[in-house]
N, C-alpha and C. Protein backbone atom coordinates (compact mmCIF):
# COMPACT_ATOMS: atom_id res chain seq x y z
N MET A 1 212.61 -14.89 13.48
CA MET A 1 212.16 -14.00 12.42
C MET A 1 210.05 -13.56 12.95
N PRO A 2 209.66 -12.15 12.76
CA PRO A 2 208.53 -12.86 13.16
C PRO A 2 207.10 -13.26 12.23
N ALA A 3 206.92 -14.41 12.91
CA ALA A 3 205.75 -14.75 12.55
C ALA A 3 204.70 -14.13 11.20
N THR A 4 204.25 -14.28 10.09
CA THR A 4 203.66 -13.45 9.52
C THR A 4 202.61 -14.22 9.05
N ALA A 5 201.07 -13.67 8.76
CA ALA A 5 199.94 -13.89 8.71
C ALA A 5 199.64 -14.45 6.80
N HIS A 6 200.49 -13.87 6.48
CA HIS A 6 200.53 -14.06 4.91
C HIS A 6 201.96 -14.61 4.62
N THR A 7 202.06 -14.99 3.44
CA THR A 7 203.15 -16.06 2.65
C THR A 7 203.69 -15.19 1.89
N GLU A 8 203.04 -13.76 1.39
CA GLU A 8 204.12 -13.27 0.62
C GLU A 8 205.90 -13.11 0.81
N SER A 9 206.61 -12.98 -0.38
CA SER A 9 207.73 -12.79 0.13
C SER A 9 208.28 -12.11 -0.97
N VAL A 10 209.60 -11.13 -0.50
CA VAL A 10 209.95 -11.33 -1.60
C VAL A 10 211.74 -11.11 -1.88
N ARG A 11 212.26 -10.64 -2.80
CA ARG A 11 213.65 -11.18 -3.15
C ARG A 11 214.79 -9.97 -3.25
N ILE A 12 216.00 -10.46 -2.41
CA ILE A 12 217.27 -9.50 -1.90
C ILE A 12 217.82 -9.54 -2.63
N ASN A 13 218.79 -9.43 -3.35
CA ASN A 13 220.03 -10.41 -4.32
C ASN A 13 221.32 -9.52 -3.88
N LEU A 14 222.55 -9.80 -3.99
CA LEU A 14 223.75 -9.35 -4.10
C LEU A 14 224.89 -10.26 -4.30
N ARG A 15 225.54 -9.45 -4.62
CA ARG A 15 227.01 -10.02 -5.12
C ARG A 15 228.05 -9.89 -4.24
N THR A 16 228.52 -11.38 -4.25
CA THR A 16 229.80 -11.46 -3.37
C THR A 16 231.01 -11.97 -4.03
N SER A 17 232.05 -12.26 -3.19
CA SER A 17 233.73 -12.90 -3.56
C SER A 17 232.88 -14.28 -3.99
N PRO A 18 233.52 -14.81 -4.71
CA PRO A 18 233.87 -16.43 -4.21
C PRO A 18 234.17 -17.29 -2.77
N GLU A 19 234.78 -16.63 -2.00
CA GLU A 19 235.63 -16.91 -1.21
C GLU A 19 234.16 -16.56 -0.27
N ALA A 20 233.65 -15.65 -0.14
CA ALA A 20 232.43 -15.23 0.91
C ALA A 20 231.66 -16.01 0.50
N LYS A 21 231.26 -16.28 -0.68
CA LYS A 21 230.07 -17.34 -0.69
C LYS A 21 230.41 -19.01 -0.53
N ALA A 22 231.87 -19.40 -0.44
CA ALA A 22 232.15 -20.87 -0.16
C ALA A 22 232.42 -20.53 1.72
N LEU A 23 232.41 -19.93 2.15
CA LEU A 23 232.25 -19.56 3.60
C LEU A 23 230.94 -19.36 4.05
N ILE A 24 230.24 -18.72 3.55
CA ILE A 24 228.44 -18.59 3.85
C ILE A 24 227.95 -20.01 3.88
N GLU A 25 228.29 -20.84 2.21
CA GLU A 25 227.90 -21.87 2.15
C GLU A 25 228.01 -22.93 2.85
N ARG A 26 229.45 -22.79 3.36
CA ARG A 26 229.88 -23.81 4.70
C ARG A 26 229.27 -23.54 5.69
N ALA A 27 229.06 -22.38 6.61
CA ALA A 27 228.77 -21.91 7.57
C ALA A 27 226.87 -22.63 7.73
N ALA A 28 226.11 -22.35 6.43
CA ALA A 28 224.79 -22.37 6.59
C ALA A 28 224.88 -24.35 6.42
N ALA A 29 226.00 -25.09 5.95
CA ALA A 29 225.85 -26.75 6.28
C ALA A 29 225.67 -27.02 7.52
N ILE A 30 227.27 -26.54 8.07
CA ILE A 30 227.33 -26.64 9.54
C ILE A 30 225.85 -26.56 10.64
N MET A 31 225.23 -24.91 9.51
CA MET A 31 223.68 -24.68 10.94
C MET A 31 222.64 -25.62 10.60
N GLY A 32 223.32 -26.74 9.68
CA GLY A 32 222.11 -27.34 8.57
C GLY A 32 220.76 -26.68 8.38
N SER A 33 221.14 -25.65 7.55
CA SER A 33 220.83 -24.62 6.88
C SER A 33 220.60 -24.74 5.16
N THR A 34 220.18 -24.27 4.84
CA THR A 34 220.30 -23.58 3.00
C THR A 34 220.65 -22.37 3.45
N VAL A 35 220.95 -21.83 2.18
CA VAL A 35 221.94 -20.98 2.34
C VAL A 35 221.13 -19.88 2.83
N SER A 36 219.57 -19.52 1.68
CA SER A 36 218.80 -18.32 2.21
C SER A 36 218.55 -18.33 3.27
N GLY A 37 218.28 -19.72 3.67
CA GLY A 37 218.01 -19.79 5.48
C GLY A 37 218.65 -19.03 6.31
N PHE A 38 220.18 -19.39 6.10
CA PHE A 38 221.42 -18.72 6.81
C PHE A 38 221.32 -17.71 6.76
N MET A 39 221.06 -16.94 5.30
CA MET A 39 221.97 -15.47 5.58
C MET A 39 220.04 -14.64 5.75
N LEU A 40 219.14 -15.08 5.88
CA LEU A 40 217.79 -14.16 6.71
C LEU A 40 217.89 -14.26 7.76
N GLN A 41 218.03 -15.35 8.50
CA GLN A 41 218.29 -15.28 10.06
C GLN A 41 219.68 -14.73 10.40
N ASN A 42 220.34 -13.98 9.78
CA ASN A 42 221.58 -13.69 10.70
C ASN A 42 221.64 -12.19 9.95
N THR A 43 220.84 -11.91 9.18
CA THR A 43 221.18 -10.60 8.83
C THR A 43 219.72 -9.87 9.19
N TYR A 44 218.67 -10.72 9.47
CA TYR A 44 217.41 -10.91 9.67
C TYR A 44 217.92 -9.75 11.96
N GLU A 45 218.31 -10.63 12.38
CA GLU A 45 218.91 -10.52 13.84
C GLU A 45 219.70 -9.45 13.62
N ALA A 46 221.10 -9.54 12.75
CA ALA A 46 221.71 -8.21 13.05
C ALA A 46 221.37 -6.63 12.83
N ALA A 47 219.98 -6.91 11.88
CA ALA A 47 219.50 -5.27 11.26
C ALA A 47 218.14 -5.21 12.71
N ARG A 48 217.82 -6.16 13.66
CA ARG A 48 217.22 -5.69 14.23
C ARG A 48 217.98 -5.04 15.61
N ARG A 49 219.41 -5.77 15.99
CA ARG A 49 220.14 -5.42 16.85
C ARG A 49 220.32 -3.99 16.52
N ILE A 50 220.46 -3.80 15.36
CA ILE A 50 221.40 -2.49 14.92
C ILE A 50 219.94 -1.46 15.33
N VAL A 51 219.11 -1.84 14.36
CA VAL A 51 217.94 -0.83 14.78
C VAL A 51 217.61 -0.42 15.87
N ALA A 52 217.10 -1.60 17.22
CA ALA A 52 217.06 -1.45 18.46
C ALA A 52 217.91 -0.34 19.51
N SER A 53 219.13 -0.95 19.06
CA SER A 53 220.34 0.38 19.36
C SER A 53 220.29 1.55 19.34
N SER A 54 219.76 1.34 18.10
CA SER A 54 219.61 3.04 17.47
C SER A 54 218.06 3.89 18.14
N ASP A 55 217.46 2.89 18.08
CA ASP A 55 215.69 3.69 19.02
C ASP A 55 215.99 3.37 20.31
N ALA A 56 216.86 2.91 20.97
CA ALA A 56 217.23 2.80 22.18
C ALA A 56 217.92 4.49 22.50
N LEU A 57 217.73 4.70 23.74
CA LEU A 57 217.93 6.27 24.84
C LEU A 57 218.40 5.70 26.15
N VAL A 58 220.01 5.63 26.25
CA VAL A 58 220.72 5.48 27.31
C VAL A 58 220.94 6.39 28.27
N LEU A 59 220.90 6.11 29.15
CA LEU A 59 220.90 7.54 30.31
C LEU A 59 221.90 7.20 31.62
N SER A 60 222.76 7.50 32.48
CA SER A 60 223.21 6.91 33.63
C SER A 60 222.19 7.45 34.77
N GLN A 61 222.60 6.73 35.80
CA GLN A 61 221.57 7.33 36.85
C GLN A 61 220.96 8.30 36.93
N THR A 62 221.79 9.32 36.83
CA THR A 62 222.37 10.95 37.19
C THR A 62 221.38 11.30 36.13
N ALA A 63 222.03 11.19 35.27
CA ALA A 63 220.86 11.75 33.97
C ALA A 63 219.35 11.36 34.18
N PHE A 64 219.35 10.32 34.03
CA PHE A 64 217.89 9.57 34.39
C PHE A 64 216.80 10.75 35.20
N GLU A 65 217.29 11.00 36.36
CA GLU A 65 216.94 11.55 37.68
C GLU A 65 216.67 12.96 37.24
N ALA A 66 218.00 13.63 36.65
CA ALA A 66 217.61 14.96 36.00
C ALA A 66 216.61 15.19 35.06
N PHE A 67 216.29 14.51 33.80
CA PHE A 67 215.37 14.25 32.74
C PHE A 67 213.98 14.11 34.06
N VAL A 68 214.10 13.55 34.57
CA VAL A 68 212.56 13.01 34.91
C VAL A 68 212.34 14.69 36.26
N ALA A 69 213.62 15.12 37.04
CA ALA A 69 213.14 16.32 37.64
C ALA A 69 213.22 17.17 36.91
N THR A 70 213.47 17.58 35.73
CA THR A 70 213.06 18.58 34.56
C THR A 70 211.63 18.70 34.12
N CYS A 71 211.32 17.05 33.80
CA CYS A 71 210.15 16.92 33.58
C CYS A 71 208.74 16.86 34.47
N GLU A 72 208.82 17.00 35.72
CA GLU A 72 208.10 17.32 36.98
C GLU A 72 207.94 17.96 37.27
N LYS A 73 209.49 19.14 37.40
CA LYS A 73 209.33 20.75 37.00
C LYS A 73 209.88 21.45 36.12
N PRO A 74 209.26 21.59 35.07
CA PRO A 74 210.22 22.43 33.86
C PRO A 74 210.26 23.95 34.51
N PRO A 75 211.87 24.20 34.20
CA PRO A 75 211.95 25.65 34.16
C PRO A 75 211.21 26.09 33.38
N LYS A 76 210.71 28.04 34.03
CA LYS A 76 210.11 28.85 33.36
C LYS A 76 210.91 29.06 31.90
N PRO A 77 209.65 29.03 30.74
CA PRO A 77 210.44 29.99 29.42
C PRO A 77 211.14 30.87 29.34
N THR A 78 211.96 31.16 29.06
CA THR A 78 213.22 31.96 28.95
C THR A 78 212.48 32.80 27.67
N ALA A 79 212.82 34.34 27.53
CA ALA A 79 212.33 35.19 26.66
C ALA A 79 213.14 34.64 25.08
N ALA A 80 213.99 34.03 24.87
CA ALA A 80 214.07 33.70 23.67
C ALA A 80 213.59 32.42 23.48
N LEU A 81 213.23 31.58 24.24
CA LEU A 81 211.63 30.57 24.06
C LEU A 81 210.47 31.06 23.60
N ARG A 82 210.27 32.31 24.18
CA ARG A 82 208.87 32.36 24.18
C ARG A 82 208.85 33.46 22.17
N LYS A 83 210.21 33.74 22.43
CA LYS A 83 210.02 34.39 20.66
C LYS A 83 210.24 33.57 20.02
N LEU A 84 210.40 32.72 20.32
CA LEU A 84 210.96 31.08 19.05
C LEU A 84 209.23 30.50 19.11
N MET A 85 208.85 30.84 20.27
CA MET A 85 207.13 29.83 19.69
C MET A 85 205.70 31.26 19.40
N ALA A 86 206.33 31.99 19.34
CA ALA A 86 205.77 32.85 18.23
C ALA A 86 206.09 33.42 17.04
N LEU A 87 207.06 32.48 17.43
CA LEU A 87 206.73 32.38 15.73
C LEU A 87 206.04 30.78 14.85
N ARG A 88 205.42 30.57 15.30
CA ARG A 88 204.65 29.34 14.76
C ARG A 88 203.44 30.10 14.78
């Protein structure tokens, strides 16, 4: 998790089954962590991966080359595009 210059913290509450709680407590103990520390570390990393995956655009080499070529030499605007831009 990122280090912050301040020590402010906020609370997140959740409800779970007794079985899930017991498993989380066991995993935290195995890792030598508190339940809060274990949950925070693992949920933060999962959230970071999900957001990074959502923010990334992955293209094949062929698609990337086509994208770059289009950026370097864009096609002339069509009549429909000129009409659309005139709406501004």
